[in-house]
Amino acid sequence: MNLLPIIFTFISAGAICLITLIPVTSGNVADGSVNFDPFSNLKLNLVYRNHLDVPIRNLSANILLFIPFTFFLSWWLRHSRQLVVMVTFLGAMFSCGIEFAQYYLPLGRATDIDDWIMNTLGAFIGGSLFVIVKYIYSVIVINKRRQ
């Protein structure tokens, strides 16, 4: 059994926990704040502040955060049926757990539906990326064997 995908999966999960569950001690503490209105921060920044750099950066970071996790998770579970669906679901559940922890633990962080949506999208992209890489790798290996 190859331990490398398991190790990388746990390292990336640990990195996600470090990034999302470290208590916020700066002046921008949002303890217990909840946002269930999808993309409302994006709308507010567009309408009232006329710029999108901060919300786009935040949304992009949430997507990028989960791509390595589900890529390595897909590598670990590569023989499973409906791999992309499974790792997307597992990524969504992991993200949901993080959002619950941010709400219930005194971390000074906000619970935001946008984070969950973007993390789930990142999980889907990570799983899909693995399937694409696996396909390309198999094509290369088959072509080398034919030569």
N, C-alpha and C. Protein backbone atom coordinates (compact mmCIF):
# COMPACT_ATOMS: atom_id res chain seq x y z
N MET A 1 0.84 -1.19 0.00
CA MET A 1 0.00 0.00 0.00
C MET A 1 0.88 1.25 0.00
N ASN A 2 0.56 2.17 -0.86
CA ASN A 2 1.31 3.41 -0.98
C ASN A 2 0.86 4.40 0.09
N LEU A 3 1.76 4.78 0.98
CA LEU A 3 1.41 5.70 2.06
C LEU A 3 1.48 7.17 1.66
N LEU A 4 2.11 7.45 0.54
CA LEU A 4 2.28 8.84 0.12
C LEU A 4 0.97 9.62 -0.02
N PRO A 5 -0.06 9.08 -0.71
CA PRO A 5 -1.30 9.86 -0.80
C PRO A 5 -1.98 10.07 0.56
N ILE A 6 -1.85 9.10 1.45
CA ILE A 6 -2.44 9.23 2.79
C ILE A 6 -1.74 10.34 3.56
N ILE A 7 -0.41 10.33 3.50
CA ILE A 7 0.37 11.36 4.21
C ILE A 7 0.04 12.74 3.66
N PHE A 8 0.03 12.89 2.33
CA PHE A 8 -0.28 14.19 1.72
C PHE A 8 -1.71 14.64 2.02
N THR A 9 -2.65 13.69 2.09
CA THR A 9 -4.03 14.04 2.44
C THR A 9 -4.10 14.62 3.85
N PHE A 10 -3.43 13.96 4.80
CA PHE A 10 -3.46 14.44 6.17
C PHE A 10 -2.69 15.76 6.34
N ILE A 11 -1.60 15.92 5.60
CA ILE A 11 -0.86 17.19 5.66
C ILE A 11 -1.73 18.33 5.13
N SER A 12 -2.40 18.10 4.00
CA SER A 12 -3.24 19.17 3.45
C SER A 12 -4.46 19.44 4.34
N ALA A 13 -5.03 18.41 4.96
CA ALA A 13 -6.14 18.62 5.90
C ALA A 13 -5.66 19.40 7.12
N GLY A 14 -4.47 19.08 7.60
CA GLY A 14 -3.90 19.82 8.73
C GLY A 14 -3.64 21.27 8.38
N ALA A 15 -3.15 21.51 7.16
CA ALA A 15 -2.92 22.89 6.72
C ALA A 15 -4.22 23.67 6.65
N ILE A 16 -5.28 23.03 6.16
CA ILE A 16 -6.59 23.69 6.10
C ILE A 16 -7.05 24.05 7.51
N CYS A 17 -6.89 23.12 8.45
CA CYS A 17 -7.29 23.40 9.85
C CYS A 17 -6.47 24.54 10.43
N LEU A 18 -5.17 24.55 10.16
CA LEU A 18 -4.33 25.65 10.67
C LEU A 18 -4.77 27.00 10.11
N ILE A 19 -5.08 27.03 8.83
CA ILE A 19 -5.45 28.29 8.18
C ILE A 19 -6.83 28.77 8.64
N THR A 20 -7.77 27.84 8.82
CA THR A 20 -9.16 28.24 9.08
C THR A 20 -9.55 28.24 10.56
N LEU A 21 -8.77 27.59 11.40
CA LEU A 21 -9.18 27.47 12.80
C LEU A 21 -8.25 28.16 13.78
N ILE A 22 -7.27 28.89 13.29
CA ILE A 22 -6.43 29.69 14.18
C ILE A 22 -7.26 30.88 14.66
N PRO A 23 -7.30 31.14 15.96
CA PRO A 23 -8.09 32.28 16.45
C PRO A 23 -7.60 33.61 15.87
N VAL A 24 -8.56 34.47 15.57
CA VAL A 24 -8.26 35.81 15.05
C VAL A 24 -8.10 36.74 16.24
N THR A 25 -6.96 37.41 16.32
CA THR A 25 -6.73 38.32 17.45
C THR A 25 -6.62 39.77 17.01
N SER A 26 -6.75 40.02 15.71
CA SER A 26 -6.67 41.40 15.23
C SER A 26 -7.97 42.14 15.54
N GLY A 27 -8.06 43.37 15.11
CA GLY A 27 -9.24 44.19 15.38
C GLY A 27 -10.49 43.74 14.65
N ASN A 28 -10.36 42.90 13.63
CA ASN A 28 -11.50 42.47 12.83
C ASN A 28 -12.04 41.14 13.35
N VAL A 29 -12.58 41.14 14.54
CA VAL A 29 -13.10 39.91 15.15
C VAL A 29 -14.59 39.81 14.85
N ALA A 30 -14.99 38.66 14.29
CA ALA A 30 -16.38 38.45 13.89
C ALA A 30 -16.98 37.29 14.67
N ASP A 31 -16.73 37.23 15.96
CA ASP A 31 -17.15 36.10 16.79
C ASP A 31 -18.66 35.87 16.70
N GLY A 32 -19.06 34.69 16.26
CA GLY A 32 -20.47 34.33 16.20
C GLY A 32 -21.22 34.90 15.02
N SER A 33 -20.55 35.61 14.14
CA SER A 33 -21.20 36.18 12.97
C SER A 33 -21.54 35.07 11.98
N VAL A 34 -22.75 35.14 11.43
CA VAL A 34 -23.21 34.11 10.50
C VAL A 34 -23.78 34.77 9.25
N ASN A 35 -23.42 34.23 8.09
CA ASN A 35 -23.96 34.72 6.83
C ASN A 35 -24.49 33.53 6.04
N PHE A 36 -25.81 33.44 5.90
CA PHE A 36 -26.43 32.38 5.11
C PHE A 36 -26.94 32.88 3.77
N ASP A 37 -26.64 34.12 3.42
CA ASP A 37 -27.06 34.70 2.15
C ASP A 37 -25.92 34.55 1.15
N PRO A 38 -26.05 33.63 0.19
CA PRO A 38 -24.94 33.38 -0.75
C PRO A 38 -24.52 34.63 -1.51
N PHE A 39 -23.22 34.86 -1.51
CA PHE A 39 -22.56 35.94 -2.25
C PHE A 39 -23.01 37.34 -1.84
N SER A 40 -23.55 37.49 -0.63
CA SER A 40 -23.99 38.82 -0.18
C SER A 40 -22.81 39.77 0.00
N ASN A 41 -21.68 39.27 0.52
CA ASN A 41 -20.51 40.14 0.67
C ASN A 41 -20.00 40.62 -0.69
N LEU A 42 -20.05 39.75 -1.67
CA LEU A 42 -19.66 40.12 -3.02
C LEU A 42 -20.57 41.23 -3.56
N LYS A 43 -21.88 41.06 -3.34
CA LYS A 43 -22.86 42.06 -3.79
C LYS A 43 -22.64 43.40 -3.08
N LEU A 44 -22.44 43.35 -1.75
CA LEU A 44 -22.23 44.59 -0.99
C LEU A 44 -21.00 45.34 -1.46
N ASN A 45 -19.91 44.62 -1.66
CA ASN A 45 -18.68 45.26 -2.11
C ASN A 45 -18.82 45.83 -3.51
N LEU A 46 -19.57 45.18 -4.35
CA LEU A 46 -19.77 45.67 -5.71
C LEU A 46 -20.65 46.92 -5.72
N VAL A 47 -21.75 46.89 -4.96
CA VAL A 47 -22.71 47.99 -4.98
C VAL A 47 -22.22 49.21 -4.19
N TYR A 48 -21.73 48.98 -2.96
CA TYR A 48 -21.41 50.11 -2.09
C TYR A 48 -19.96 50.57 -2.16
N ARG A 49 -19.07 49.66 -2.47
CA ARG A 49 -17.65 50.04 -2.48
C ARG A 49 -17.08 50.09 -3.89
N ASN A 50 -17.83 49.57 -4.83
CA ASN A 50 -17.45 49.60 -6.24
C ASN A 50 -16.10 48.94 -6.52
N HIS A 51 -15.77 47.91 -5.73
CA HIS A 51 -14.56 47.14 -6.03
C HIS A 51 -14.77 45.70 -5.59
N LEU A 52 -14.03 44.82 -6.21
CA LEU A 52 -14.20 43.39 -5.95
C LEU A 52 -12.91 42.70 -5.54
N ASP A 53 -11.82 43.44 -5.36
CA ASP A 53 -10.54 42.78 -5.11
C ASP A 53 -10.53 41.92 -3.85
N VAL A 54 -11.05 42.41 -2.74
CA VAL A 54 -11.05 41.63 -1.49
C VAL A 54 -11.97 40.42 -1.57
N PRO A 55 -13.24 40.57 -1.97
CA PRO A 55 -14.09 39.38 -2.03
C PRO A 55 -13.63 38.35 -3.06
N ILE A 56 -13.12 38.80 -4.19
CA ILE A 56 -12.63 37.86 -5.20
C ILE A 56 -11.41 37.11 -4.65
N ARG A 57 -10.53 37.82 -3.97
CA ARG A 57 -9.37 37.17 -3.35
C ARG A 57 -9.81 36.16 -2.30
N ASN A 58 -10.81 36.50 -1.51
CA ASN A 58 -11.33 35.61 -0.48
C ASN A 58 -11.96 34.36 -1.11
N LEU A 59 -12.79 34.57 -2.13
CA LEU A 59 -13.44 33.44 -2.80
C LEU A 59 -12.40 32.54 -3.47
N SER A 60 -11.41 33.14 -4.11
CA SER A 60 -10.36 32.37 -4.77
C SER A 60 -9.55 31.56 -3.76
N ALA A 61 -9.24 32.18 -2.63
CA ALA A 61 -8.48 31.47 -1.60
C ALA A 61 -9.25 30.27 -1.08
N ASN A 62 -10.56 30.42 -0.90
CA ASN A 62 -11.37 29.30 -0.43
C ASN A 62 -11.40 28.16 -1.45
N ILE A 63 -11.42 28.50 -2.73
CA ILE A 63 -11.38 27.46 -3.76
C ILE A 63 -10.02 26.77 -3.74
N LEU A 64 -8.95 27.55 -3.77
CA LEU A 64 -7.60 27.00 -3.83
C LEU A 64 -7.24 26.18 -2.60
N LEU A 65 -7.84 26.50 -1.47
CA LEU A 65 -7.54 25.80 -0.22
C LEU A 65 -7.89 24.31 -0.30
N PHE A 66 -8.96 23.98 -0.99
CA PHE A 66 -9.43 22.59 -1.00
C PHE A 66 -8.95 21.78 -2.19
N ILE A 67 -8.35 22.39 -3.19
CA ILE A 67 -7.89 21.64 -4.36
C ILE A 67 -6.82 20.61 -3.99
N PRO A 68 -5.75 20.97 -3.26
CA PRO A 68 -4.76 19.94 -2.91
C PRO A 68 -5.34 18.83 -2.04
N PHE A 69 -6.19 19.20 -1.09
CA PHE A 69 -6.78 18.21 -0.19
C PHE A 69 -7.53 17.14 -0.97
N THR A 70 -8.42 17.54 -1.86
CA THR A 70 -9.21 16.53 -2.58
C THR A 70 -8.42 15.89 -3.72
N PHE A 71 -7.39 16.55 -4.22
CA PHE A 71 -6.52 15.89 -5.19
C PHE A 71 -5.82 14.71 -4.52
N PHE A 72 -5.23 14.94 -3.34
CA PHE A 72 -4.55 13.86 -2.63
C PHE A 72 -5.53 12.82 -2.10
N LEU A 73 -6.71 13.26 -1.67
CA LEU A 73 -7.75 12.33 -1.24
C LEU A 73 -8.17 11.44 -2.41
N SER A 74 -8.28 12.01 -3.59
CA SER A 74 -8.61 11.23 -4.79
C SER A 74 -7.51 10.22 -5.11
N TRP A 75 -6.27 10.62 -4.92
CA TRP A 75 -5.15 9.72 -5.15
C TRP A 75 -5.24 8.54 -4.18
N TRP A 76 -5.56 8.84 -2.93
CA TRP A 76 -5.69 7.81 -1.90
C TRP A 76 -6.85 6.87 -2.23
N LEU A 77 -7.98 7.40 -2.65
CA LEU A 77 -9.19 6.62 -2.90
C LEU A 77 -9.39 6.34 -4.40
N ARG A 78 -8.32 6.29 -5.16
CA ARG A 78 -8.37 6.25 -6.62
C ARG A 78 -9.13 5.07 -7.21
N HIS A 79 -9.34 4.00 -6.46
CA HIS A 79 -10.03 2.83 -6.99
C HIS A 79 -11.54 2.87 -6.72
N SER A 80 -12.00 3.93 -6.10
CA SER A 80 -13.42 4.04 -5.76
C SER A 80 -14.26 4.40 -6.98
N ARG A 81 -15.51 3.95 -6.95
CA ARG A 81 -16.46 4.34 -7.99
C ARG A 81 -16.94 5.76 -7.71
N GLN A 82 -17.27 6.48 -8.74
CA GLN A 82 -17.76 7.86 -8.64
C GLN A 82 -16.86 8.70 -7.73
N LEU A 83 -15.58 8.66 -8.05
CA LEU A 83 -14.55 9.29 -7.24
C LEU A 83 -14.79 10.78 -7.04
N VAL A 84 -15.09 11.50 -8.10
CA VAL A 84 -15.26 12.96 -8.00
C VAL A 84 -16.45 13.29 -7.11
N VAL A 85 -17.54 12.56 -7.24
CA VAL A 85 -18.72 12.79 -6.39
C VAL A 85 -18.36 12.54 -4.93
N MET A 86 -17.64 11.45 -4.67
CA MET A 86 -17.30 11.10 -3.30
C MET A 86 -16.37 12.13 -2.66
N VAL A 87 -15.30 12.53 -3.36
CA VAL A 87 -14.38 13.49 -2.75
C VAL A 87 -15.00 14.88 -2.64
N THR A 88 -15.89 15.22 -3.56
CA THR A 88 -16.61 16.50 -3.44
C THR A 88 -17.48 16.48 -2.19
N PHE A 89 -18.19 15.37 -1.98
CA PHE A 89 -19.02 15.23 -0.78
C PHE A 89 -18.16 15.29 0.49
N LEU A 90 -17.05 14.56 0.51
CA LEU A 90 -16.17 14.57 1.68
C LEU A 90 -15.59 15.96 1.92
N GLY A 91 -15.22 16.65 0.86
CA GLY A 91 -14.73 18.03 0.99
C GLY A 91 -15.80 18.96 1.53
N ALA A 92 -17.04 18.79 1.05
CA ALA A 92 -18.16 19.61 1.54
C ALA A 92 -18.42 19.35 3.02
N MET A 93 -18.33 18.09 3.44
CA MET A 93 -18.56 17.76 4.85
C MET A 93 -17.42 18.30 5.73
N PHE A 94 -16.20 18.21 5.24
CA PHE A 94 -15.05 18.76 5.97
C PHE A 94 -15.21 20.27 6.12
N SER A 95 -15.60 20.94 5.05
CA SER A 95 -15.83 22.38 5.09
C SER A 95 -16.97 22.74 6.05
N CYS A 96 -18.02 21.94 6.03
CA CYS A 96 -19.15 22.16 6.94
C CYS A 96 -18.68 22.05 8.39
N GLY A 97 -17.84 21.07 8.67
CA GLY A 97 -17.28 20.92 10.01
C GLY A 97 -16.46 22.13 10.42
N ILE A 98 -15.70 22.66 9.50
CA ILE A 98 -14.90 23.86 9.78
C ILE A 98 -15.81 25.04 10.08
N GLU A 99 -16.86 25.21 9.29
CA GLU A 99 -17.79 26.33 9.52
C GLU A 99 -18.50 26.19 10.87
N PHE A 100 -18.88 24.97 11.25
CA PHE A 100 -19.48 24.75 12.57
C PHE A 100 -18.48 25.08 13.67
N ALA A 101 -17.24 24.66 13.50
CA ALA A 101 -16.21 24.96 14.50
C ALA A 101 -15.99 26.46 14.61
N GLN A 102 -15.98 27.16 13.48
CA GLN A 102 -15.80 28.61 13.52
C GLN A 102 -16.96 29.30 14.22
N TYR A 103 -18.13 28.71 14.17
CA TYR A 103 -19.29 29.30 14.85
C TYR A 103 -19.27 28.99 16.35
N TYR A 104 -19.02 27.73 16.69
CA TYR A 104 -19.16 27.31 18.08
C TYR A 104 -17.93 27.54 18.95
N LEU A 105 -16.76 27.59 18.36
CA LEU A 105 -15.55 27.82 19.14
C LEU A 105 -15.23 29.31 19.18
N PRO A 106 -14.66 29.79 20.28
CA PRO A 106 -14.34 31.22 20.38
C PRO A 106 -13.07 31.57 19.58
N LEU A 107 -13.20 31.56 18.26
CA LEU A 107 -12.05 31.80 17.38
C LEU A 107 -12.02 33.21 16.82
N GLY A 108 -13.12 33.95 16.98
CA GLY A 108 -13.19 35.29 16.39
C GLY A 108 -13.38 35.25 14.89
N ARG A 109 -13.98 34.17 14.40
CA ARG A 109 -14.17 34.00 12.96
C ARG A 109 -15.66 33.95 12.64
N ALA A 110 -15.98 34.31 11.41
CA ALA A 110 -17.38 34.30 10.95
C ALA A 110 -17.68 32.99 10.24
N THR A 111 -18.93 32.57 10.33
CA THR A 111 -19.42 31.43 9.57
C THR A 111 -20.11 31.98 8.33
N ASP A 112 -19.66 31.53 7.16
CA ASP A 112 -20.13 32.13 5.92
C ASP A 112 -20.46 31.05 4.90
N ILE A 113 -21.66 31.12 4.33
CA ILE A 113 -22.08 30.16 3.32
C ILE A 113 -21.19 30.24 2.08
N ASP A 114 -20.66 31.42 1.79
CA ASP A 114 -19.76 31.58 0.64
C ASP A 114 -18.51 30.72 0.80
N ASP A 115 -17.98 30.66 2.03
CA ASP A 115 -16.81 29.82 2.28
C ASP A 115 -17.13 28.36 1.97
N TRP A 116 -18.28 27.90 2.45
CA TRP A 116 -18.68 26.51 2.21
C TRP A 116 -18.86 26.23 0.72
N ILE A 117 -19.52 27.14 0.02
CA ILE A 117 -19.74 26.96 -1.42
C ILE A 117 -18.41 26.91 -2.17
N MET A 118 -17.52 27.84 -1.87
CA MET A 118 -16.24 27.90 -2.58
C MET A 118 -15.33 26.73 -2.20
N ASN A 119 -15.35 26.32 -0.94
CA ASN A 119 -14.58 25.15 -0.53
C ASN A 119 -15.07 23.90 -1.26
N THR A 120 -16.39 23.76 -1.38
CA THR A 120 -16.97 22.62 -2.09
C THR A 120 -16.60 22.67 -3.57
N LEU A 121 -16.61 23.85 -4.16
CA LEU A 121 -16.17 23.99 -5.55
C LEU A 121 -14.70 23.59 -5.69
N GLY A 122 -13.88 24.02 -4.74
CA GLY A 122 -12.47 23.63 -4.75
C GLY A 122 -12.30 22.12 -4.61
N ALA A 123 -13.16 21.50 -3.79
CA ALA A 123 -13.12 20.04 -3.64
C ALA A 123 -13.45 19.36 -4.97
N PHE A 124 -14.46 19.86 -5.65
CA PHE A 124 -14.84 19.32 -6.96
C PHE A 124 -13.69 19.48 -7.97
N ILE A 125 -13.08 20.65 -7.99
CA ILE A 125 -11.97 20.91 -8.91
C ILE A 125 -10.79 19.98 -8.61
N GLY A 126 -10.47 19.80 -7.32
CA GLY A 126 -9.37 18.91 -6.95
C GLY A 126 -9.61 17.48 -7.39
N GLY A 127 -10.83 16.97 -7.18
CA GLY A 127 -11.16 15.62 -7.62
C GLY A 127 -11.13 15.49 -9.13
N SER A 128 -11.67 16.48 -9.82
CA SER A 128 -11.68 16.47 -11.29
C SER A 128 -10.26 16.56 -11.85
N LEU A 129 -9.44 17.38 -11.22
CA LEU A 129 -8.05 17.53 -11.65
C LEU A 129 -7.31 16.20 -11.53
N PHE A 130 -7.57 15.46 -10.45
CA PHE A 130 -6.93 14.16 -10.29
C PHE A 130 -7.34 13.21 -11.41
N VAL A 131 -8.63 13.18 -11.73
CA VAL A 131 -9.11 12.30 -12.81
C VAL A 131 -8.44 12.66 -14.13
N ILE A 132 -8.28 13.94 -14.41
CA ILE A 132 -7.62 14.39 -15.64
C ILE A 132 -6.15 13.98 -15.65
N VAL A 133 -5.46 14.22 -14.54
CA VAL A 133 -4.04 13.85 -14.44
C VAL A 133 -3.87 12.34 -14.56
N LYS A 134 -4.75 11.58 -13.92
CA LYS A 134 -4.69 10.11 -14.00
C LYS A 134 -4.88 9.64 -15.44
N TYR A 135 -5.81 10.25 -16.16
CA TYR A 135 -6.05 9.90 -17.56
C TYR A 135 -4.82 10.22 -18.42
N ILE A 136 -4.28 11.41 -18.27
CA ILE A 136 -3.09 11.81 -19.04
C ILE A 136 -1.92 10.88 -18.74
N TYR A 137 -1.73 10.55 -17.48
CA TYR A 137 -0.66 9.62 -17.08
C TYR A 137 -0.85 8.26 -17.74
N SER A 138 -2.08 7.75 -17.74
CA SER A 138 -2.33 6.44 -18.34
C SER A 138 -2.10 6.47 -19.86
N VAL A 139 -2.44 7.56 -20.52
CA VAL A 139 -2.18 7.70 -21.96
C VAL A 139 -0.68 7.70 -22.23
N ILE A 140 0.08 8.42 -21.41
CA ILE A 140 1.54 8.47 -21.58
C ILE A 140 2.14 7.09 -21.37
N VAL A 141 1.70 6.37 -20.34
CA VAL A 141 2.23 5.03 -20.05
C VAL A 141 1.89 4.07 -21.19
N ILE A 142 0.67 4.13 -21.70
CA ILE A 142 0.27 3.26 -22.81
C ILE A 142 1.10 3.56 -24.06
N ASN A 143 1.33 4.83 -24.35
CA ASN A 143 2.14 5.20 -25.52
C ASN A 143 3.59 4.76 -25.38
N LYS A 144 4.15 4.81 -24.16
CA LYS A 144 5.52 4.36 -23.94
C LYS A 144 5.63 2.85 -24.14
N ARG A 145 4.61 2.10 -23.73
CA ARG A 145 4.63 0.64 -23.88
C ARG A 145 4.55 0.24 -25.34
N ARG A 146 3.87 1.02 -26.15
CA ARG A 146 3.72 0.71 -27.58
C ARG A 146 5.01 0.94 -28.35
N GLN A 147 5.87 1.79 -27.84
CA GLN A 147 7.11 2.13 -28.56
C GLN A 147 8.13 1.09 -28.39
